[in-house]
Amino acid sequence: MESALPLSRRATLYGIIVILLLFVAVLAGIAIGSSPVPVEVVARVLGFHLLPEGWIDLTGISSAEQAIIWLIRTPRVIVAALVGIALAIAGTQMQAVFRNALASPDIIGTSSGGALGAVLALSSGLAMRSLYYLPVMSFIGALCSLLIVYTIATRRGRTPVATLLLTGVALNALIAAITSFVISVQWVRWEIAQEILFWLMGGLDSRTWQHVWLALPCIVLAGSISLLYLRELDVLLLGEEAAQAVGTDVEKVKRIILTTSALLTGGAVAVSGMIGFVGLIVPHTARLILGPRHRYLLPASALTGAVFLVFTDIIARTIYSPEEIRLGIITGVLGAPFFLYLLLRHRHSVGMT
């Protein structure tokens, strides 16, 4: 996208706008629901918990409102923001590694692997024993998928991107078949089968502060590592030969980026289920405004991902109130047309624009 503004000023303006939108999204996400809460009440309760003791007085606010705001809606909104950040960063990295605007976090099987781990936790009954089994199994599934794809695609210390992509497609198909088999076996246990289907459709219902603390360390760690490789991501856009010519250890960088992408995706899937298209829509939208330099693109994509998923979750909660539409359905409805648009736009080229 052409602009008269210099890139640094454009990025600053974009960042300010997105941060303001995130602030609005968080307040709206907490205030809006089956029991609406005034924004000023939301601000007071948040201030009471976040500011030093004694700064905010909660006189006149019922204990029910305090519980709705702090124990039910605030962790849900934070989880939505974390998942949006994780998937957006993973998508940005994938598009750089594959040099393709159509790439997304689930392209090498990490999303489906994480989902399969969660499905196995649900079907085996482990998820009923402790809250931690499901996210742990999801992490294991995502990392095992990455390990399988990378091992198969790597020969003599080199991992061709095309081979990695094709291996990921094949593994996705295999995981989908295994997942379908597990669901068919569990069909007689309708409650378990229903829970599995709900998980595969993605959603943030019943998320608590425990889910926040489960996702936060992994996403913060992987996101921080991603910020250390912004230059390498830029160089990879030039092609592997060009990257090697300027002294980049391409294979090492790809391993690190793919691992952080798997951790980000696994962390997101562990607390939200399958949420598609965020890693496709958000990085591409930010790139249209800011261009391909990852110094600006990666942080912008992370913030935009948080805003996008918080607002999308509000839609999922309110569009068919009092019933809740699964979040993965909403992102699919928004993302599928966008994907088709990108596909048509890039039908003569698979490279980055």
Protein backbone atom coordinates (compact mmCIF):
# COMPACT_ATOMS: atom_id res chain seq x y z
CA MET A 1 0.00 0.00 0.00
CA GLU A 2 1.47 3.30 -1.04
CA SER A 3 1.57 6.16 1.47
CA ALA A 4 3.11 9.62 1.64
CA LEU A 5 4.15 8.98 5.24
CA PRO A 6 7.62 7.54 5.94
CA LEU A 7 7.52 3.93 7.10
CA SER A 8 8.60 4.70 10.69
CA ARG A 9 5.86 7.32 11.12
CA ARG A 10 3.31 5.10 9.44
CA ALA A 11 4.23 2.25 11.80
CA THR A 12 3.98 4.55 14.83
CA LEU A 13 0.56 5.80 13.75
CA TYR A 14 -0.58 2.25 13.06
CA GLY A 15 0.65 1.13 16.49
CA ILE A 16 -1.16 3.96 18.29
CA ILE A 17 -4.42 3.21 16.48
CA VAL A 18 -4.21 -0.53 17.15
CA ILE A 19 -3.35 -0.03 20.84
CA LEU A 20 -6.38 2.27 21.21
CA LEU A 21 -8.53 -0.30 19.42
CA LEU A 22 -7.21 -3.00 21.75
CA PHE A 23 -8.11 -0.87 24.77
CA VAL A 24 -11.64 -0.40 23.39
CA ALA A 25 -11.90 -4.11 22.52
CA VAL A 26 -10.90 -5.19 26.03
CA LEU A 27 -13.43 -2.87 27.70
CA ALA A 28 -16.14 -3.88 25.24
CA GLY A 29 -15.33 -7.57 25.63
CA ILE A 30 -15.74 -7.33 29.40
CA ALA A 31 -18.79 -5.04 29.37
CA ILE A 32 -20.82 -6.83 26.68
CA GLY A 33 -22.54 -10.11 27.42
CA SER A 34 -25.75 -11.78 28.55
CA SER A 35 -25.59 -9.50 31.61
CA PRO A 36 -24.32 -6.13 30.32
CA VAL A 37 -22.11 -4.15 32.68
CA PRO A 38 -21.52 -0.37 32.38
CA VAL A 39 -18.06 0.53 31.12
CA GLU A 40 -17.37 2.74 34.12
CA VAL A 41 -18.07 -0.22 36.43
CA VAL A 42 -15.68 -2.35 34.37
CA ALA A 43 -12.99 0.33 34.64
CA ARG A 44 -13.42 0.59 38.41
CA VAL A 45 -13.22 -3.16 39.01
CA LEU A 46 -10.16 -3.52 36.77
CA GLY A 47 -8.54 -0.56 38.50
CA PHE A 48 -9.25 -2.08 41.91
CA HIS A 49 -7.39 -5.27 40.96
CA LEU A 50 -4.57 -3.71 38.94
CA LEU A 51 -3.76 -0.50 40.82
CA PRO A 52 -2.26 -0.19 44.33
CA GLU A 53 -4.63 -1.01 47.19
CA GLY A 54 -6.87 1.85 48.25
CA TRP A 55 -6.77 3.77 44.98
CA ILE A 56 -10.18 2.55 43.79
CA ASP A 57 -13.36 2.21 45.84
CA LEU A 58 -15.87 -0.47 44.82
CA THR A 59 -18.75 0.95 46.86
CA GLY A 60 -22.02 0.47 44.99
CA ILE A 61 -20.75 -2.42 42.84
CA SER A 62 -22.32 -5.77 43.71
CA SER A 63 -20.27 -8.88 44.35
CA ALA A 64 -22.03 -10.52 41.37
CA GLU A 65 -20.82 -7.75 39.04
CA GLN A 66 -17.31 -8.02 40.44
CA ALA A 67 -17.30 -11.77 39.83
CA ILE A 68 -18.65 -11.40 36.29
CA ILE A 69 -16.02 -8.81 35.43
CA TRP A 70 -12.91 -10.21 37.11
CA LEU A 71 -13.48 -13.98 37.31
CA ILE A 72 -15.47 -14.68 34.14
CA ARG A 73 -15.01 -12.08 31.41
CA THR A 74 -11.54 -10.64 32.06
CA PRO A 75 -9.68 -13.97 31.76
CA ARG A 76 -11.70 -14.81 28.65
CA VAL A 77 -10.73 -11.53 26.99
CA ILE A 78 -7.07 -11.97 27.98
CA VAL A 79 -7.03 -15.52 26.57
CA ALA A 80 -8.57 -14.21 23.33
CA ALA A 81 -5.86 -11.55 23.08
CA LEU A 82 -3.08 -14.06 23.80
CA VAL A 83 -4.40 -16.52 21.21
CA GLY A 84 -4.68 -13.73 18.63
CA ILE A 85 -1.11 -12.62 19.35
CA ALA A 86 0.24 -16.17 19.14
CA LEU A 87 -1.48 -17.10 15.88
CA ALA A 88 -0.63 -13.77 14.24
CA ILE A 89 3.08 -14.05 15.08
CA ALA A 90 3.16 -17.68 13.95
CA GLY A 91 1.45 -16.72 10.69
CA THR A 92 3.89 -13.88 10.06
CA GLN A 93 6.83 -16.23 10.57
CA MET A 94 5.35 -18.93 8.35
CA GLN A 95 4.76 -16.48 5.52
CA ALA A 96 8.39 -15.39 5.74
CA VAL A 97 9.78 -18.94 5.81
CA PHE A 98 7.62 -20.09 2.90
CA ARG A 99 7.83 -16.71 1.13
CA ASN A 100 4.13 -17.06 0.46
CA ALA A 101 1.25 -14.84 1.60
CA LEU A 102 -1.00 -17.92 1.67
CA ALA A 103 0.99 -19.65 4.43
CA SER A 104 -0.51 -20.01 7.92
CA PRO A 105 0.34 -21.73 11.25
CA ASP A 106 -1.53 -24.93 10.41
CA ILE A 107 0.41 -25.43 7.18
CA ILE A 108 2.89 -27.92 8.72
CA GLY A 109 0.42 -29.70 10.98
CA THR A 110 1.07 -27.93 14.28
CA SER A 111 -2.53 -26.79 14.73
CA SER A 112 -4.02 -30.15 13.83
CA GLY A 113 -1.38 -31.94 15.92
CA GLY A 114 -2.22 -29.80 18.93
CA ALA A 115 -5.91 -30.46 18.36
CA LEU A 116 -5.30 -34.21 18.14
CA GLY A 117 -3.45 -34.11 21.46
CA ALA A 118 -6.43 -32.37 23.03
CA VAL A 119 -8.85 -34.87 21.44
CA LEU A 120 -6.85 -37.77 22.90
CA ALA A 121 -6.91 -36.11 26.33
CA LEU A 122 -10.69 -35.76 26.11
CA SER A 123 -11.37 -39.24 24.76
CA SER A 124 -9.09 -40.98 27.27
CA GLY A 125 -10.64 -39.19 30.22
CA LEU A 126 -7.42 -37.45 31.22
CA ALA A 127 -9.01 -34.03 30.69
CA MET A 128 -11.59 -34.86 33.36
CA ARG A 129 -8.93 -35.61 35.97
CA SER A 130 -7.11 -32.29 35.79
CA LEU A 131 -7.32 -29.01 33.89
CA TYR A 132 -3.65 -29.35 32.96
CA TYR A 133 -3.81 -32.60 31.00
CA LEU A 134 -5.58 -31.06 28.00
CA PRO A 135 -3.11 -28.20 27.36
CA VAL A 136 -0.12 -30.45 28.07
CA MET A 137 -1.39 -33.03 25.55
CA SER A 138 -2.03 -30.22 23.08
CA PHE A 139 1.55 -28.94 23.46
CA ILE A 140 2.88 -32.46 22.98
CA GLY A 141 0.73 -32.97 19.87
CA ALA A 142 1.91 -29.72 18.28
CA LEU A 143 5.58 -30.41 18.98
CA CYS A 144 5.36 -34.04 17.83
CA SER A 145 3.78 -32.87 14.56
CA LEU A 146 6.62 -30.42 14.03
CA LEU A 147 9.21 -33.09 14.82
CA ILE A 148 7.65 -35.59 12.39
CA VAL A 149 7.38 -33.07 9.56
CA TYR A 150 10.89 -31.72 10.07
CA THR A 151 12.46 -35.19 10.35
CA ILE A 152 10.81 -36.43 7.17
CA ALA A 153 11.55 -33.26 5.20
CA THR A 154 15.20 -32.94 6.27
CA ARG A 155 17.90 -34.66 4.25
CA ARG A 156 21.66 -34.20 4.78
CA GLY A 157 21.10 -31.26 7.05
CA ARG A 158 18.89 -29.36 4.60
CA THR A 159 15.15 -28.84 4.75
CA PRO A 160 13.70 -27.69 1.40
CA VAL A 161 10.64 -25.50 1.90
CA ALA A 162 8.66 -27.31 -0.81
CA THR A 163 9.29 -30.70 0.84
CA LEU A 164 8.36 -29.24 4.24
CA LEU A 165 5.11 -27.91 2.81
CA LEU A 166 4.14 -31.19 1.11
CA THR A 167 5.00 -33.18 4.23
CA GLY A 168 2.82 -30.85 6.29
CA VAL A 169 -0.11 -31.32 3.90
CA ALA A 170 0.23 -35.11 4.11
CA LEU A 171 0.50 -35.06 7.92
CA ASN A 172 -2.56 -32.81 8.18
CA ALA A 173 -4.55 -35.35 6.18
CA LEU A 174 -3.33 -38.21 8.39
CA ILE A 175 -4.11 -36.33 11.61
CA ALA A 176 -7.58 -35.43 10.30
CA ALA A 177 -8.23 -39.14 9.63
CA ILE A 178 -7.04 -40.16 13.11
CA THR A 179 -9.16 -37.44 14.71
CA SER A 180 -12.23 -38.58 12.76
CA PHE A 181 -11.57 -42.16 13.87
CA VAL A 182 -11.38 -41.12 17.53
CA ILE A 183 -14.66 -39.21 17.20
CA SER A 184 -16.38 -42.19 15.54
CA VAL A 185 -15.21 -44.52 18.31
CA GLN A 186 -16.44 -42.10 20.98
CA TRP A 187 -19.80 -41.48 19.30
CA VAL A 188 -21.64 -43.80 21.70
CA ARG A 189 -20.38 -41.59 24.53
CA TRP A 190 -22.25 -38.55 23.29
CA GLU A 191 -21.02 -36.12 25.93
CA ILE A 192 -17.37 -36.87 25.13
CA ALA A 193 -17.98 -36.73 21.37
CA GLN A 194 -19.79 -33.40 21.77
CA GLU A 195 -16.90 -32.00 23.83
CA ILE A 196 -14.43 -33.09 21.13
CA LEU A 197 -16.50 -31.48 18.37
CA PHE A 198 -16.80 -28.25 20.35
CA TRP A 199 -13.03 -28.26 20.87
CA LEU A 200 -12.37 -28.75 17.15
CA MET A 201 -14.69 -25.83 16.36
CA GLY A 202 -12.74 -23.58 18.75
CA GLY A 203 -14.10 -21.40 21.50
CA LEU A 204 -13.30 -19.47 24.65
CA ASP A 205 -16.25 -20.33 26.85
CA SER A 206 -15.51 -21.10 30.53
CA ARG A 207 -11.97 -19.76 30.30
CA THR A 208 -10.48 -18.89 33.69
CA TRP A 209 -7.33 -17.34 35.08
CA GLN A 210 -5.80 -20.82 35.07
CA HIS A 211 -6.04 -20.84 31.28
CA VAL A 212 -4.34 -17.43 31.18
CA TRP A 213 -1.40 -18.71 33.25
CA LEU A 214 -1.23 -21.88 31.15
CA ALA A 215 -0.90 -19.99 27.87
CA LEU A 216 1.05 -16.92 28.96
CA PRO A 217 4.54 -18.37 29.65
CA CYS A 218 4.76 -20.32 26.38
CA ILE A 219 3.43 -17.48 24.23
CA VAL A 220 5.64 -14.85 25.91
CA LEU A 221 8.74 -17.07 25.61
CA ALA A 222 8.17 -17.99 21.95
CA GLY A 223 7.14 -14.43 21.06
CA SER A 224 10.27 -13.00 22.70
CA ILE A 225 12.49 -15.41 20.76
CA SER A 226 10.70 -14.39 17.56
CA LEU A 227 11.67 -10.76 18.16
CA LEU A 228 15.35 -11.76 18.14
CA TYR A 229 15.12 -12.99 14.53
CA LEU A 230 13.50 -10.04 12.77
CA ARG A 231 16.50 -9.45 10.51
CA GLU A 232 16.67 -13.14 9.59
CA LEU A 233 12.98 -13.10 8.65
CA ASP A 234 13.66 -10.16 6.32
CA VAL A 235 16.59 -11.97 4.75
CA LEU A 236 14.58 -15.17 4.19
CA LEU A 237 12.19 -13.19 1.99
CA LEU A 238 15.07 -12.76 -0.47
CA GLY A 239 15.40 -16.54 -0.86
CA GLU A 240 17.61 -19.13 0.80
CA GLU A 241 20.58 -18.65 -1.53
CA ALA A 242 20.57 -14.90 -0.98
CA ALA A 243 20.24 -15.43 2.78
CA GLN A 244 23.25 -17.75 2.78
CA ALA A 245 25.21 -15.24 0.71
CA VAL A 246 24.88 -12.62 3.45
CA GLY A 247 26.03 -15.06 6.14
CA THR A 248 22.72 -16.35 7.50
CA ASP A 249 22.66 -19.93 8.79
CA VAL A 250 19.42 -20.70 6.95
CA GLU A 251 18.82 -24.19 8.36
CA LYS A 252 19.38 -23.08 11.96
CA VAL A 253 17.10 -20.07 11.50
CA LYS A 254 14.37 -22.23 9.96
CA ARG A 255 14.56 -24.68 12.87
CA ILE A 256 14.24 -21.90 15.42
CA ILE A 257 11.41 -20.13 13.60
CA LEU A 258 9.46 -23.34 13.02
CA THR A 259 9.90 -24.36 16.65
CA THR A 260 8.70 -21.00 17.97
CA SER A 261 5.77 -21.14 15.55
CA ALA A 262 4.87 -24.59 16.85
CA LEU A 263 5.08 -23.39 20.46
CA LEU A 264 2.91 -20.38 19.69
CA THR A 265 0.36 -22.47 17.84
CA GLY A 266 0.39 -25.20 20.47
CA GLY A 267 -0.08 -22.63 23.22
CA ALA A 268 -3.03 -21.11 21.39
CA VAL A 269 -4.70 -24.43 20.55
CA ALA A 270 -4.20 -25.62 24.13
CA VAL A 271 -6.56 -22.97 25.51
CA SER A 272 -8.87 -22.21 22.59
CA GLY A 273 -9.20 -25.25 20.35
CA MET A 274 -8.91 -24.89 16.58
CA ILE A 275 -9.12 -21.24 15.52
CA GLY A 276 -8.47 -20.93 11.82
CA PHE A 277 -7.41 -18.12 9.49
CA VAL A 278 -6.12 -15.67 12.13
CA GLY A 279 -2.54 -16.39 11.10
CA LEU A 280 -3.50 -15.79 7.47
CA ILE A 281 -5.70 -12.68 7.67
CA VAL A 282 -3.84 -10.60 10.23
CA PRO A 283 -0.23 -10.67 8.89
CA HIS A 284 -1.38 -10.04 5.34
CA THR A 285 -3.53 -7.07 6.40
CA ALA A 286 -0.67 -5.54 8.39
CA ARG A 287 1.70 -6.13 5.48
CA LEU A 288 -0.57 -4.20 3.11
CA ILE A 289 -0.20 -1.15 5.35
CA LEU A 290 3.36 -1.44 6.65
CA GLY A 291 5.17 -3.51 4.04
CA PRO A 292 7.34 -6.60 4.61
CA ARG A 293 9.95 -5.31 7.12
CA HIS A 294 9.50 -7.50 10.17
CA ARG A 295 10.82 -4.89 12.55
CA TYR A 296 7.44 -3.22 12.09
CA LEU A 297 5.36 -6.09 10.73
CA LEU A 298 5.75 -8.61 13.56
CA PRO A 299 4.75 -6.32 16.49
CA ALA A 300 1.96 -4.81 14.38
CA SER A 301 0.63 -8.26 13.50
CA ALA A 302 0.71 -9.32 17.16
CA LEU A 303 -1.33 -6.31 18.28
CA THR A 304 -3.72 -6.62 15.35
CA GLY A 305 -4.22 -10.31 16.11
CA ALA A 306 -5.21 -9.47 19.68
CA VAL A 307 -7.71 -6.85 18.52
CA PHE A 308 -9.13 -9.11 15.82
CA LEU A 309 -9.77 -12.09 18.08
CA VAL A 310 -11.20 -10.06 20.99
CA PHE A 311 -13.69 -8.37 18.65
CA THR A 312 -14.44 -11.69 16.92
CA ASP A 313 -15.15 -13.29 20.28
CA ILE A 314 -17.61 -10.48 21.06
CA ILE A 315 -19.41 -11.31 17.80
CA ALA A 316 -19.44 -15.03 18.70
CA ARG A 317 -21.05 -14.23 22.07
CA THR A 318 -23.65 -11.75 20.88
CA ILE A 319 -24.68 -12.49 17.29
CA TYR A 320 -27.07 -15.29 18.33
CA SER A 321 -27.62 -14.36 21.98
CA PRO A 322 -28.35 -16.00 24.37
CA GLU A 323 -26.70 -18.91 22.50
CA GLU A 324 -22.99 -18.70 21.70
CA ILE A 325 -21.57 -19.41 18.24
CA ARG A 326 -18.25 -21.26 18.27
CA LEU A 327 -15.38 -18.85 17.69
CA GLY A 328 -13.78 -21.06 15.02
CA ILE A 329 -16.97 -20.79 12.97
CA ILE A 330 -16.85 -16.99 13.02
CA THR A 331 -13.17 -16.84 12.02
CA GLY A 332 -13.90 -19.38 9.27
CA VAL A 333 -16.74 -17.28 7.89
CA LEU A 334 -14.49 -14.22 7.89
CA GLY A 335 -11.33 -16.00 6.76
CA ALA A 336 -12.51 -18.27 3.95
CA PRO A 337 -13.54 -15.41 1.59
CA PHE A 338 -10.28 -13.62 2.43
CA PHE A 339 -8.32 -16.77 1.59
CA LEU A 340 -10.15 -17.09 -1.75
CA TYR A 341 -9.34 -13.45 -2.49
CA LEU A 342 -5.65 -14.07 -1.79
CA LEU A 343 -5.73 -17.25 -3.86
CA LEU A 344 -7.16 -15.41 -6.86
CA ARG A 345 -4.73 -12.55 -6.40
CA HIS A 346 -1.73 -14.92 -6.27
CA ARG A 347 -2.88 -17.43 -8.85
CA HIS A 348 -0.06 -16.40 -11.20
CA SER A 349 2.56 -16.27 -8.44
CA VAL A 350 3.27 -18.03 -5.18
CA GLY A 351 5.68 -15.41 -3.86
CA MET A 352 5.24 -12.56 -1.44
CA THR A 353 3.89 -9.23 -2.64
